[in-house]
């Protein structure tokens, strides 16, 4: 397990649960409906505001993790990891979007794996694939661990 990637994934899961589907909606009206009538202003890069963990609909860390997960689940021809990437994205959703985080045995069962060794191996593989993508987008994350 790579600690800085684990912390980013935990942050992503927390932000995703708190913000709901705001990150999935691309229009202002949809975002307002999801936010129960409140306008949520983005402080993402280029908006002229300070950037922190809470910038944008999911926050800088949450958005970077979401983009990295989308990238690894792409087909191999498109630069992703195909079926392996899709399986690892499912693992990320099972592990980090459920509150409270399920036990390892429950996560492995949801994924259809019989051994905890397979689970640990796949979790490490997820972290290894995400680390360079996250560090490219969030260079300060390198200093976080």
C-alpha atoms as a PDB file:
ATOM      1  CA  UNK A   1       0.000   0.000   0.000  1.00  0.00           C
ATOM      2  CA  UNK A   2       1.308   3.433  -0.929  1.00  0.00           C
ATOM      3  CA  UNK A   3       0.394   5.790   1.909  1.00  0.00           C
ATOM      4  CA  UNK A   4       0.002   9.021  -0.112  1.00  0.00           C
ATOM      5  CA  UNK A   5      -2.244   7.258  -2.647  1.00  0.00           C
ATOM      6  CA  UNK A   6      -4.288   5.714   0.180  1.00  0.00           C
ATOM      7  CA  UNK A   7      -4.792   9.158   1.726  1.00  0.00           C
ATOM      8  CA  UNK A   8      -5.816  10.627  -1.655  1.00  0.00           C
ATOM      9  CA  UNK A   9      -8.316   7.799  -2.199  1.00  0.00           C
ATOM     10  CA  UNK A  10      -9.759   8.241   1.289  1.00  0.00           C
ATOM     11  CA  UNK A  11     -10.103  11.980   0.627  1.00  0.00           C
ATOM     12  CA  UNK A  12     -11.783  11.243  -2.728  1.00  0.00           C
ATOM     13  CA  UNK A  13     -14.243   8.858  -1.090  1.00  0.00           C
ATOM     14  CA  UNK A  14     -15.084  11.336   1.640  1.00  0.00           C
ATOM     15  CA  UNK A  15     -15.546  14.220  -0.799  1.00  0.00           C
ATOM     16  CA  UNK A  16     -17.577  12.054  -3.176  1.00  0.00           C
ATOM     17  CA  UNK A  17     -19.946  10.981  -0.395  1.00  0.00           C
ATOM     18  CA  UNK A  18     -20.342  14.556   0.888  1.00  0.00           C
ATOM     19  CA  UNK A  19     -20.831  16.150  -2.520  1.00  0.00           C
ATOM     20  CA  UNK A  20     -22.928  13.391  -4.050  1.00  0.00           C
ATOM     21  CA  UNK A  21     -23.428  13.529  -7.773  1.00  0.00           C
ATOM     22  CA  UNK A  22     -22.467  17.196  -8.207  1.00  0.00           C
ATOM     23  CA  UNK A  23     -19.234  16.078  -9.857  1.00  0.00           C
ATOM     24  CA  UNK A  24     -21.147  14.020 -12.402  1.00  0.00           C
ATOM     25  CA  UNK A  25     -23.382  16.877 -13.528  1.00  0.00           C
ATOM     26  CA  UNK A  26     -21.927  19.033 -16.271  1.00  0.00           C
ATOM     27  CA  UNK A  27     -24.508  21.836 -16.264  1.00  0.00           C
ATOM     28  CA  UNK A  28     -25.028  24.678 -13.814  1.00  0.00           C
ATOM     29  CA  UNK A  29     -28.743  23.975 -13.384  1.00  0.00           C
ATOM     30  CA  UNK A  30     -28.085  20.314 -12.588  1.00  0.00           C
ATOM     31  CA  UNK A  31     -25.429  21.291 -10.046  1.00  0.00           C
ATOM     32  CA  UNK A  32     -27.854  23.752  -8.417  1.00  0.00           C
ATOM     33  CA  UNK A  33     -30.576  21.115  -8.211  1.00  0.00           C
ATOM     34  CA  UNK A  34     -28.159  18.627  -6.671  1.00  0.00           C
ATOM     35  CA  UNK A  35     -26.886  21.251  -4.203  1.00  0.00           C
ATOM     36  CA  UNK A  36     -30.488  22.022  -3.159  1.00  0.00           C
ATOM     37  CA  UNK A  37     -30.526  25.466  -4.732  1.00  0.00           C
ATOM     38  CA  UNK A  38     -27.108  26.690  -3.624  1.00  0.00           C
ATOM     39  CA  UNK A  39     -24.559  27.847  -6.169  1.00  0.00           C
ATOM     40  CA  UNK A  40     -21.236  26.155  -5.541  1.00  0.00           C
ATOM     41  CA  UNK A  41     -18.455  28.240  -7.016  1.00  0.00           C
ATOM     42  CA  UNK A  42     -15.383  26.442  -8.248  1.00  0.00           C
ATOM     43  CA  UNK A  43     -11.967  27.491  -7.015  1.00  0.00           C
ATOM     44  CA  UNK A  44     -10.234  25.161  -9.447  1.00  0.00           C
ATOM     45  CA  UNK A  45      -7.052  26.130 -11.290  1.00  0.00           C
ATOM     46  CA  UNK A  46      -7.580  29.003 -13.661  1.00  0.00           C
ATOM     47  CA  UNK A  47     -10.571  30.389 -11.772  1.00  0.00           C
ATOM     48  CA  UNK A  48      -8.437  33.070 -10.124  1.00  0.00           C
ATOM     49  CA  UNK A  49      -9.051  31.824  -6.602  1.00  0.00           C
ATOM     50  CA  UNK A  50      -6.877  29.950  -4.138  1.00  0.00           C
ATOM     51  CA  UNK A  51      -6.734  26.208  -4.628  1.00  0.00           C
ATOM     52  CA  UNK A  52      -7.133  23.845  -1.726  1.00  0.00           C
ATOM     53  CA  UNK A  53      -8.580  20.453  -0.944  1.00  0.00           C
ATOM     54  CA  UNK A  54     -12.085  21.797  -1.466  1.00  0.00           C
ATOM     55  CA  UNK A  55     -11.637  23.396  -4.893  1.00  0.00           C
ATOM     56  CA  UNK A  56     -14.060  22.402  -7.621  1.00  0.00           C
ATOM     57  CA  UNK A  57     -17.040  20.090  -7.195  1.00  0.00           C
ATOM     58  CA  UNK A  58     -14.946  17.312  -5.621  1.00  0.00           C
ATOM     59  CA  UNK A  59     -11.918  19.283  -4.505  1.00  0.00           C
ATOM     60  CA  UNK A  60      -8.479  19.208  -6.105  1.00  0.00           C
ATOM     61  CA  UNK A  61      -7.585  15.794  -4.684  1.00  0.00           C
ATOM     62  CA  UNK A  62     -11.000  14.286  -5.409  1.00  0.00           C
ATOM     63  CA  UNK A  63     -11.020  15.531  -8.991  1.00  0.00           C
ATOM     64  CA  UNK A  64      -7.473  14.272  -9.597  1.00  0.00           C
ATOM     65  CA  UNK A  65      -8.383  10.819  -8.257  1.00  0.00           C
ATOM     66  CA  UNK A  66     -11.575  10.738 -10.336  1.00  0.00           C
ATOM     67  CA  UNK A  67      -9.633  11.633 -13.514  1.00  0.00           C
ATOM     68  CA  UNK A  68      -6.971   9.014 -12.734  1.00  0.00           C
ATOM     69  CA  UNK A  69      -9.623   6.337 -12.208  1.00  0.00           C
ATOM     70  CA  UNK A  70     -11.266   7.251 -15.509  1.00  0.00           C
ATOM     71  CA  UNK A  71      -7.882   6.990 -17.232  1.00  0.00           C
ATOM     72  CA  UNK A  72      -6.989   3.536 -15.910  1.00  0.00           C
ATOM     73  CA  UNK A  73     -10.363   2.024 -16.826  1.00  0.00           C
ATOM     74  CA  UNK A  74     -10.025   3.108 -20.462  1.00  0.00           C
ATOM     75  CA  UNK A  75      -9.356   0.422 -23.096  1.00  0.00           C
ATOM     76  CA  UNK A  76      -5.716  -0.503 -23.627  1.00  0.00           C
ATOM     77  CA  UNK A  77      -5.858   1.050 -27.111  1.00  0.00           C
ATOM     78  CA  UNK A  78      -6.781   4.387 -25.511  1.00  0.00           C
ATOM     79  CA  UNK A  79      -3.882   4.252 -23.038  1.00  0.00           C
ATOM     80  CA  UNK A  80      -5.785   2.663 -20.155  1.00  0.00           C
ATOM     81  CA  UNK A  81      -5.567  -0.773 -18.606  1.00  0.00           C
ATOM     82  CA  UNK A  82      -8.748  -2.294 -20.003  1.00  0.00           C
ATOM     83  CA  UNK A  83     -10.437  -5.022 -17.969  1.00  0.00           C
ATOM     84  CA  UNK A  84      -7.774  -4.904 -15.255  1.00  0.00           C
ATOM     85  CA  UNK A  85      -8.298  -1.157 -14.884  1.00  0.00           C
ATOM     86  CA  UNK A  86     -12.083  -1.570 -14.741  1.00  0.00           C
ATOM     87  CA  UNK A  87     -11.708  -4.183 -12.010  1.00  0.00           C
ATOM     88  CA  UNK A  88      -9.393  -1.899 -10.020  1.00  0.00           C
ATOM     89  CA  UNK A  89     -11.804   1.031 -10.360  1.00  0.00           C
ATOM     90  CA  UNK A  90     -14.554  -1.222  -8.997  1.00  0.00           C
ATOM     91  CA  UNK A  91     -12.268  -2.066  -6.069  1.00  0.00           C
ATOM     92  CA  UNK A  92     -11.727   1.656  -5.421  1.00  0.00           C
ATOM     93  CA  UNK A  93     -15.470   2.257  -5.377  1.00  0.00           C
ATOM     94  CA  UNK A  94     -16.123  -0.735  -3.099  1.00  0.00           C
ATOM     95  CA  UNK A  95     -13.345   0.233  -0.694  1.00  0.00           C
ATOM     96  CA  UNK A  96     -13.529   4.029  -0.532  1.00  0.00           C
ATOM     97  CA  UNK A  97     -17.110   5.047  -1.362  1.00  0.00           C
ATOM     98  CA  UNK A  98     -18.760   2.877   1.289  1.00  0.00           C
ATOM     99  CA  UNK A  99     -19.141   4.469   4.703  1.00  0.00           C
ATOM    100  CA  UNK A 100     -17.966   2.955   6.942  1.00  0.00           C
ATOM    101  CA  UNK A 101     -15.277   1.192   4.940  1.00  0.00           C
ATOM    102  CA  UNK A 102     -16.173  -2.522   4.767  1.00  0.00           C
ATOM    103  CA  UNK A 103     -13.889  -5.125   6.299  1.00  0.00           C
ATOM    104  CA  UNK A 104     -11.273  -6.637   3.994  1.00  0.00           C
ATOM    105  CA  UNK A 105     -13.204  -9.915   3.945  1.00  0.00           C
ATOM    106  CA  UNK A 106     -16.373  -8.118   2.840  1.00  0.00           C
ATOM    107  CA  UNK A 107     -14.528  -6.161   0.151  1.00  0.00           C
ATOM    108  CA  UNK A 108     -12.889  -9.331  -1.201  1.00  0.00           C
ATOM    109  CA  UNK A 109     -16.269 -11.075  -1.270  1.00  0.00           C
ATOM    110  CA  UNK A 110     -17.881  -8.166  -3.170  1.00  0.00           C
ATOM    111  CA  UNK A 111     -15.066  -8.341  -5.697  1.00  0.00           C
ATOM    112  CA  UNK A 112     -15.432 -12.108  -6.068  1.00  0.00           C
ATOM    113  CA  UNK A 113     -11.974 -12.921  -4.723  1.00  0.00           C
ATOM    114  CA  UNK A 114     -11.476 -15.833  -2.363  1.00  0.00           C
ATOM    115  CA  UNK A 115      -8.160 -14.924  -0.800  1.00  0.00           C
ATOM    116  CA  UNK A 116      -7.022 -11.861   1.077  1.00  0.00           C
ATOM    117  CA  UNK A 117      -3.663 -12.177  -0.668  1.00  0.00           C
ATOM    118  CA  UNK A 118      -5.399 -11.519  -4.002  1.00  0.00           C
ATOM    119  CA  UNK A 119      -7.178  -8.558  -2.435  1.00  0.00           C
ATOM    120  CA  UNK A 120      -3.933  -7.071  -1.096  1.00  0.00           C
ATOM    121  CA  UNK A 121      -2.202  -7.638  -4.435  1.00  0.00           C
ATOM    122  CA  UNK A 122      -4.997  -5.890  -6.365  1.00  0.00           C
ATOM    123  CA  UNK A 123      -5.104  -2.995  -3.891  1.00  0.00           C
ATOM    124  CA  UNK A 124      -1.359  -2.512  -4.287  1.00  0.00           C
ATOM    125  CA  UNK A 125      -1.735  -2.680  -8.075  1.00  0.00           C
ATOM    126  CA  UNK A 126      -4.405   0.047  -7.883  1.00  0.00           C
ATOM    127  CA  UNK A 127      -2.059   2.239  -5.845  1.00  0.00           C
ATOM    128  CA  UNK A 128       0.872   1.640  -8.215  1.00  0.00           C
ATOM    129  CA  UNK A 129      -1.223   2.609 -11.260  1.00  0.00           C
ATOM    130  CA  UNK A 130      -2.670   5.719  -9.613  1.00  0.00           C
ATOM    131  CA  UNK A 131       0.516   7.091  -8.059  1.00  0.00           C
ATOM    132  CA  UNK A 132       2.191   8.507 -11.203  1.00  0.00           C
ATOM    133  CA  UNK A 133      -1.105   9.945 -12.457  1.00  0.00           C
ATOM    134  CA  UNK A 134      -1.762  11.683  -9.142  1.00  0.00           C
ATOM    135  CA  UNK A 135       1.809  12.960  -8.781  1.00  0.00           C
ATOM    136  CA  UNK A 136       1.694  14.398 -12.305  1.00  0.00           C
ATOM    137  CA  UNK A 137      -1.417  16.380 -11.439  1.00  0.00           C
ATOM    138  CA  UNK A 138      -0.689  17.080  -7.763  1.00  0.00           C
ATOM    139  CA  UNK A 139       3.111  17.437  -7.419  1.00  0.00           C
ATOM    140  CA  UNK A 140       2.758  18.634  -3.811  1.00  0.00           C
ATOM    141  CA  UNK A 141       1.379  15.170  -2.965  1.00  0.00           C
ATOM    142  CA  UNK A 142       4.953  13.870  -3.199  1.00  0.00           C
ATOM    143  CA  UNK A 143       5.805  15.842  -0.054  1.00  0.00           C
ATOM    144  CA  UNK A 144       2.631  14.708   1.745  1.00  0.00           C
ATOM    145  CA  UNK A 145       4.078  11.370   2.840  1.00  0.00           C
END
